[in-house]
Amino acid sequence: MLLNLLVLGVLALLAGPRVNQLLEPWTGDSRWLRLIALAFVYASCLELVSLPFAFWSGYVLEHRYQLSNQTWPRWLWRKVKGYLVGGPLGLLLLLGLYFLLWHGGPWWWLWAAPPGWG
């Protein structure tokens, strides 16, 4: 988790402005397309950093202590299914949050709060 926070910090503070400039010709003035592209870049970088740890803890250690008989291709397919389900759901949540931030005015947090909090 600390490694993910460090990578997010580096991406946001150091690489983020440069990535944004590189994406600008591809996305034009559409802030929605730029948000989706930046989300994909950030998620890909985070996954590339955390994938070795996920493999170690989810495949190597489980086989070392005979907690799993899952094959390597099955483990990989399970990760891909997680991306196929989690990616679109995470993107919908991100787009919903930014819709509230961009169109909700100073009271965006009230619209984003769970029912009963406002």
N, C-alpha and C. Protein backbone atom coordinates (compact mmCIF):
# COMPACT_ATOMS: atom_id res chain seq x y z
N MET A 1 0.83 -1.19 0.00
CA MET A 1 0.00 0.00 0.00
C MET A 1 0.88 1.26 0.00
N LEU A 2 1.95 1.22 0.76
CA LEU A 2 2.84 2.37 0.79
C LEU A 2 3.50 2.59 -0.57
N LEU A 3 3.82 1.49 -1.24
CA LEU A 3 4.41 1.61 -2.58
C LEU A 3 3.41 2.23 -3.55
N ASN A 4 2.14 1.83 -3.46
CA ASN A 4 1.11 2.43 -4.31
C ASN A 4 0.96 3.92 -4.03
N LEU A 5 0.99 4.31 -2.76
CA LEU A 5 0.91 5.74 -2.42
C LEU A 5 2.11 6.50 -2.96
N LEU A 6 3.28 5.90 -2.87
CA LEU A 6 4.48 6.55 -3.40
C LEU A 6 4.39 6.72 -4.91
N VAL A 7 3.95 5.68 -5.61
CA VAL A 7 3.81 5.76 -7.06
C VAL A 7 2.77 6.80 -7.44
N LEU A 8 1.64 6.83 -6.73
CA LEU A 8 0.62 7.84 -7.00
C LEU A 8 1.15 9.25 -6.78
N GLY A 9 1.92 9.42 -5.71
CA GLY A 9 2.51 10.73 -5.45
C GLY A 9 3.47 11.16 -6.54
N VAL A 10 4.32 10.25 -6.98
CA VAL A 10 5.26 10.57 -8.06
C VAL A 10 4.51 10.87 -9.35
N LEU A 11 3.50 10.05 -9.65
CA LEU A 11 2.73 10.29 -10.87
C LEU A 11 2.01 11.64 -10.81
N ALA A 12 1.40 11.93 -9.69
CA ALA A 12 0.62 13.16 -9.59
C ALA A 12 1.49 14.41 -9.59
N LEU A 13 2.59 14.37 -8.86
CA LEU A 13 3.39 15.58 -8.69
C LEU A 13 4.48 15.76 -9.75
N LEU A 14 5.09 14.67 -10.17
CA LEU A 14 6.21 14.80 -11.10
C LEU A 14 5.84 14.44 -12.53
N ALA A 15 5.23 13.29 -12.73
CA ALA A 15 4.95 12.83 -14.08
C ALA A 15 3.60 13.31 -14.60
N GLY A 16 2.68 13.63 -13.72
CA GLY A 16 1.33 14.01 -14.13
C GLY A 16 1.26 15.15 -15.12
N PRO A 17 1.90 16.27 -14.84
CA PRO A 17 1.84 17.38 -15.81
C PRO A 17 2.42 17.02 -17.17
N ARG A 18 3.49 16.24 -17.18
CA ARG A 18 4.10 15.83 -18.46
C ARG A 18 3.17 14.87 -19.21
N VAL A 19 2.58 13.92 -18.51
CA VAL A 19 1.65 12.98 -19.14
C VAL A 19 0.45 13.75 -19.69
N ASN A 20 -0.01 14.72 -18.94
CA ASN A 20 -1.14 15.54 -19.39
C ASN A 20 -0.79 16.27 -20.69
N GLN A 21 0.42 16.81 -20.78
CA GLN A 21 0.85 17.49 -22.01
C GLN A 21 0.95 16.52 -23.18
N LEU A 22 1.41 15.30 -22.91
CA LEU A 22 1.52 14.30 -23.98
C LEU A 22 0.15 13.84 -24.47
N LEU A 23 -0.83 13.82 -23.58
CA LEU A 23 -2.17 13.37 -23.95
C LEU A 23 -3.00 14.46 -24.62
N GLU A 24 -2.62 15.71 -24.42
CA GLU A 24 -3.42 16.83 -24.93
C GLU A 24 -3.65 16.78 -26.44
N PRO A 25 -2.65 16.47 -27.26
CA PRO A 25 -2.94 16.39 -28.70
C PRO A 25 -3.91 15.27 -29.06
N TRP A 26 -3.94 14.22 -28.28
CA TRP A 26 -4.82 13.08 -28.57
C TRP A 26 -6.23 13.32 -28.09
N THR A 27 -6.38 14.03 -26.98
CA THR A 27 -7.70 14.22 -26.39
C THR A 27 -8.33 15.56 -26.75
N GLY A 28 -7.53 16.47 -27.25
CA GLY A 28 -8.06 17.80 -27.60
C GLY A 28 -8.49 18.55 -26.36
N ASP A 29 -9.60 19.26 -26.49
CA ASP A 29 -10.10 20.06 -25.37
C ASP A 29 -11.07 19.28 -24.49
N SER A 30 -11.32 18.03 -24.79
CA SER A 30 -12.28 17.23 -24.03
C SER A 30 -11.68 16.81 -22.70
N ARG A 31 -12.18 17.38 -21.63
CA ARG A 31 -11.65 17.01 -20.32
C ARG A 31 -12.09 15.61 -19.93
N TRP A 32 -13.21 15.14 -20.49
CA TRP A 32 -13.67 13.78 -20.20
C TRP A 32 -12.72 12.75 -20.80
N LEU A 33 -12.33 12.95 -22.06
CA LEU A 33 -11.37 12.03 -22.68
C LEU A 33 -10.03 12.06 -21.97
N ARG A 34 -9.61 13.25 -21.58
CA ARG A 34 -8.34 13.37 -20.87
C ARG A 34 -8.40 12.67 -19.52
N LEU A 35 -9.53 12.78 -18.83
CA LEU A 35 -9.70 12.10 -17.55
C LEU A 35 -9.63 10.59 -17.73
N ILE A 36 -10.29 10.07 -18.75
CA ILE A 36 -10.26 8.63 -19.01
C ILE A 36 -8.84 8.17 -19.36
N ALA A 37 -8.16 8.94 -20.20
CA ALA A 37 -6.79 8.58 -20.59
C ALA A 37 -5.85 8.63 -19.39
N LEU A 38 -5.95 9.66 -18.57
CA LEU A 38 -5.11 9.75 -17.38
C LEU A 38 -5.41 8.63 -16.40
N ALA A 39 -6.68 8.29 -16.25
CA ALA A 39 -7.05 7.18 -15.37
C ALA A 39 -6.44 5.88 -15.86
N PHE A 40 -6.46 5.67 -17.17
CA PHE A 40 -5.86 4.46 -17.73
C PHE A 40 -4.35 4.43 -17.50
N VAL A 41 -3.68 5.55 -17.71
CA VAL A 41 -2.23 5.62 -17.51
C VAL A 41 -1.89 5.37 -16.04
N TYR A 42 -2.60 6.03 -15.13
CA TYR A 42 -2.33 5.86 -13.70
C TYR A 42 -2.61 4.43 -13.26
N ALA A 43 -3.73 3.87 -13.68
CA ALA A 43 -4.07 2.50 -13.28
C ALA A 43 -3.06 1.50 -13.84
N SER A 44 -2.62 1.72 -15.07
CA SER A 44 -1.62 0.82 -15.67
C SER A 44 -0.30 0.88 -14.91
N CYS A 45 0.13 2.07 -14.57
CA CYS A 45 1.38 2.21 -13.82
C CYS A 45 1.27 1.57 -12.44
N LEU A 46 0.17 1.79 -11.76
CA LEU A 46 -0.01 1.17 -10.45
C LEU A 46 -0.04 -0.34 -10.55
N GLU A 47 -0.69 -0.85 -11.57
CA GLU A 47 -0.77 -2.30 -11.72
C GLU A 47 0.59 -2.90 -12.06
N LEU A 48 1.36 -2.23 -12.90
CA LEU A 48 2.70 -2.73 -13.23
C LEU A 48 3.61 -2.77 -12.00
N VAL A 49 3.44 -1.80 -11.12
CA VAL A 49 4.25 -1.78 -9.90
C VAL A 49 3.80 -2.86 -8.92
N SER A 50 2.49 -3.06 -8.79
CA SER A 50 1.99 -3.99 -7.77
C SER A 50 1.84 -5.42 -8.27
N LEU A 51 1.94 -5.66 -9.57
CA LEU A 51 1.75 -7.01 -10.11
C LEU A 51 2.76 -8.03 -9.57
N PRO A 52 4.05 -7.70 -9.46
CA PRO A 52 4.97 -8.69 -8.88
C PRO A 52 4.60 -9.09 -7.45
N PHE A 53 4.14 -8.14 -6.65
CA PHE A 53 3.74 -8.46 -5.28
C PHE A 53 2.47 -9.29 -5.26
N ALA A 54 1.55 -8.99 -6.17
CA ALA A 54 0.32 -9.78 -6.26
C ALA A 54 0.64 -11.21 -6.70
N PHE A 55 1.57 -11.36 -7.62
CA PHE A 55 1.96 -12.70 -8.05
C PHE A 55 2.61 -13.46 -6.91
N TRP A 56 3.48 -12.79 -6.20
CA TRP A 56 4.18 -13.43 -5.09
C TRP A 56 3.20 -13.88 -4.00
N SER A 57 2.32 -12.99 -3.61
CA SER A 57 1.41 -13.32 -2.51
C SER A 57 0.24 -14.19 -2.96
N GLY A 58 -0.20 -14.05 -4.20
CA GLY A 58 -1.37 -14.78 -4.64
C GLY A 58 -1.09 -16.07 -5.36
N TYR A 59 0.15 -16.28 -5.77
CA TYR A 59 0.47 -17.52 -6.47
C TYR A 59 1.63 -18.27 -5.81
N VAL A 60 2.77 -17.61 -5.68
CA VAL A 60 3.96 -18.29 -5.17
C VAL A 60 3.77 -18.76 -3.74
N LEU A 61 3.37 -17.86 -2.85
CA LEU A 61 3.22 -18.25 -1.44
C LEU A 61 2.12 -19.28 -1.25
N GLU A 62 1.03 -19.14 -1.97
CA GLU A 62 -0.06 -20.12 -1.82
C GLU A 62 0.40 -21.50 -2.26
N HIS A 63 1.22 -21.58 -3.29
CA HIS A 63 1.72 -22.88 -3.71
C HIS A 63 2.82 -23.39 -2.77
N ARG A 64 3.60 -22.50 -2.23
CA ARG A 64 4.65 -22.92 -1.31
C ARG A 64 4.07 -23.62 -0.09
N TYR A 65 2.96 -23.10 0.42
CA TYR A 65 2.34 -23.69 1.61
C TYR A 65 1.15 -24.58 1.25
N GLN A 66 1.07 -24.98 0.00
CA GLN A 66 0.05 -25.90 -0.50
C GLN A 66 -1.36 -25.44 -0.16
N LEU A 67 -1.61 -24.15 -0.34
CA LEU A 67 -2.93 -23.59 -0.13
C LEU A 67 -3.73 -23.48 -1.42
N SER A 68 -3.07 -23.76 -2.55
CA SER A 68 -3.73 -23.63 -3.83
C SER A 68 -3.16 -24.64 -4.81
N ASN A 69 -4.02 -25.11 -5.71
CA ASN A 69 -3.54 -25.97 -6.80
C ASN A 69 -3.85 -25.31 -8.15
N GLN A 70 -4.06 -24.00 -8.11
CA GLN A 70 -4.38 -23.23 -9.31
C GLN A 70 -3.14 -23.13 -10.20
N THR A 71 -3.33 -23.32 -11.49
CA THR A 71 -2.20 -23.20 -12.43
C THR A 71 -1.91 -21.74 -12.70
N TRP A 72 -0.72 -21.49 -13.26
CA TRP A 72 -0.34 -20.11 -13.57
C TRP A 72 -1.29 -19.48 -14.58
N PRO A 73 -1.68 -20.15 -15.67
CA PRO A 73 -2.65 -19.53 -16.59
C PRO A 73 -3.99 -19.24 -15.93
N ARG A 74 -4.42 -20.10 -15.01
CA ARG A 74 -5.68 -19.84 -14.29
C ARG A 74 -5.55 -18.60 -13.40
N TRP A 75 -4.39 -18.46 -12.75
CA TRP A 75 -4.18 -17.29 -11.91
C TRP A 75 -4.20 -16.03 -12.78
N LEU A 76 -3.55 -16.09 -13.93
CA LEU A 76 -3.52 -14.94 -14.84
C LEU A 76 -4.92 -14.62 -15.36
N TRP A 77 -5.70 -15.64 -15.71
CA TRP A 77 -7.06 -15.41 -16.18
C TRP A 77 -7.91 -14.78 -15.09
N ARG A 78 -7.68 -15.18 -13.85
CA ARG A 78 -8.42 -14.57 -12.73
C ARG A 78 -8.10 -13.08 -12.61
N LYS A 79 -6.83 -12.71 -12.79
CA LYS A 79 -6.44 -11.30 -12.77
C LYS A 79 -7.09 -10.54 -13.92
N VAL A 80 -7.10 -11.14 -15.11
CA VAL A 80 -7.71 -10.49 -16.27
C VAL A 80 -9.20 -10.28 -16.04
N LYS A 81 -9.88 -11.27 -15.48
CA LYS A 81 -11.31 -11.10 -15.18
C LYS A 81 -11.52 -9.98 -14.18
N GLY A 82 -10.62 -9.84 -13.21
CA GLY A 82 -10.71 -8.74 -12.26
C GLY A 82 -10.58 -7.39 -12.95
N TYR A 83 -9.68 -7.31 -13.94
CA TYR A 83 -9.53 -6.06 -14.70
C TYR A 83 -10.78 -5.78 -15.53
N LEU A 84 -11.34 -6.83 -16.13
CA LEU A 84 -12.51 -6.65 -17.00
C LEU A 84 -13.75 -6.23 -16.22
N VAL A 85 -13.84 -6.63 -14.97
CA VAL A 85 -14.99 -6.24 -14.14
C VAL A 85 -14.68 -4.94 -13.39
N GLY A 86 -13.51 -4.89 -12.76
CA GLY A 86 -13.16 -3.73 -11.93
C GLY A 86 -12.85 -2.47 -12.69
N GLY A 87 -12.28 -2.62 -13.89
CA GLY A 87 -11.92 -1.45 -14.69
C GLY A 87 -13.12 -0.59 -15.06
N PRO A 88 -14.13 -1.18 -15.71
CA PRO A 88 -15.31 -0.36 -16.06
C PRO A 88 -16.05 0.17 -14.84
N LEU A 89 -16.14 -0.63 -13.77
CA LEU A 89 -16.82 -0.13 -12.57
C LEU A 89 -16.06 1.03 -11.94
N GLY A 90 -14.74 0.90 -11.85
CA GLY A 90 -13.93 1.99 -11.33
C GLY A 90 -14.02 3.24 -12.19
N LEU A 91 -14.05 3.04 -13.50
CA LEU A 91 -14.17 4.18 -14.42
C LEU A 91 -15.51 4.88 -14.25
N LEU A 92 -16.58 4.11 -14.09
CA LEU A 92 -17.89 4.73 -13.85
C LEU A 92 -17.91 5.53 -12.56
N LEU A 93 -17.31 5.00 -11.51
CA LEU A 93 -17.24 5.74 -10.25
C LEU A 93 -16.42 7.02 -10.40
N LEU A 94 -15.29 6.92 -11.09
CA LEU A 94 -14.45 8.09 -11.31
C LEU A 94 -15.18 9.16 -12.11
N LEU A 95 -15.84 8.74 -13.19
CA LEU A 95 -16.59 9.70 -14.02
C LEU A 95 -17.74 10.32 -13.23
N GLY A 96 -18.40 9.53 -12.41
CA GLY A 96 -19.48 10.07 -11.58
C GLY A 96 -18.96 11.10 -10.58
N LEU A 97 -17.85 10.80 -9.96
CA LEU A 97 -17.27 11.75 -9.00
C LEU A 97 -16.88 13.05 -9.69
N TYR A 98 -16.21 12.94 -10.84
CA TYR A 98 -15.80 14.15 -11.54
C TYR A 98 -16.99 14.91 -12.11
N PHE A 99 -18.06 14.20 -12.47
CA PHE A 99 -19.27 14.90 -12.88
C PHE A 99 -19.78 15.76 -11.74
N LEU A 100 -19.80 15.20 -10.52
CA LEU A 100 -20.23 15.99 -9.36
C LEU A 100 -19.28 17.14 -9.07
N LEU A 101 -17.98 16.90 -9.20
CA LEU A 101 -17.00 17.97 -8.95
C LEU A 101 -17.15 19.11 -9.95
N TRP A 102 -17.34 18.77 -11.21
CA TRP A 102 -17.38 19.78 -12.26
C TRP A 102 -18.72 20.47 -12.38
N HIS A 103 -19.81 19.79 -12.03
CA HIS A 103 -21.14 20.35 -12.25
C HIS A 103 -21.92 20.58 -10.96
N GLY A 104 -21.40 20.17 -9.84
CA GLY A 104 -22.13 20.30 -8.58
C GLY A 104 -21.90 21.60 -7.84
N GLY A 105 -20.96 22.40 -8.31
CA GLY A 105 -20.67 23.65 -7.64
C GLY A 105 -20.01 23.41 -6.29
N PRO A 106 -20.11 24.39 -5.40
CA PRO A 106 -19.46 24.24 -4.10
C PRO A 106 -20.13 23.20 -3.21
N TRP A 107 -21.29 22.72 -3.60
CA TRP A 107 -22.01 21.73 -2.80
C TRP A 107 -21.87 20.31 -3.38
N TRP A 108 -20.84 20.05 -4.17
CA TRP A 108 -20.66 18.74 -4.79
C TRP A 108 -20.57 17.65 -3.75
N TRP A 109 -19.93 17.93 -2.61
CA TRP A 109 -19.74 16.93 -1.58
C TRP A 109 -21.06 16.47 -1.00
N LEU A 110 -22.07 17.36 -1.00
CA LEU A 110 -23.37 16.99 -0.47
C LEU A 110 -24.05 15.97 -1.37
N TRP A 111 -23.90 16.16 -2.69
CA TRP A 111 -24.48 15.21 -3.64
C TRP A 111 -23.73 13.88 -3.62
N ALA A 112 -22.44 13.91 -3.32
CA ALA A 112 -21.63 12.69 -3.32
C ALA A 112 -21.76 11.91 -2.02
N ALA A 113 -22.28 12.50 -0.96
CA ALA A 113 -22.39 11.82 0.33
C ALA A 113 -23.45 10.71 0.27
N PRO A 114 -23.23 9.65 1.02
CA PRO A 114 -24.23 8.59 1.07
C PRO A 114 -25.55 9.12 1.65
N PRO A 115 -26.67 8.47 1.32
CA PRO A 115 -27.97 8.92 1.85
C PRO A 115 -27.95 8.92 3.37
N GLY A 116 -28.56 9.93 3.93
CA GLY A 116 -28.62 10.06 5.39
C GLY A 116 -27.51 10.89 5.98
N TRP A 117 -26.49 11.25 5.19
CA TRP A 117 -25.38 12.05 5.70
C TRP A 117 -25.63 13.54 5.50
N GLY A 118 -26.54 13.87 4.59
CA GLY A 118 -26.70 15.27 4.24
C GLY A 118 -27.82 15.90 4.86
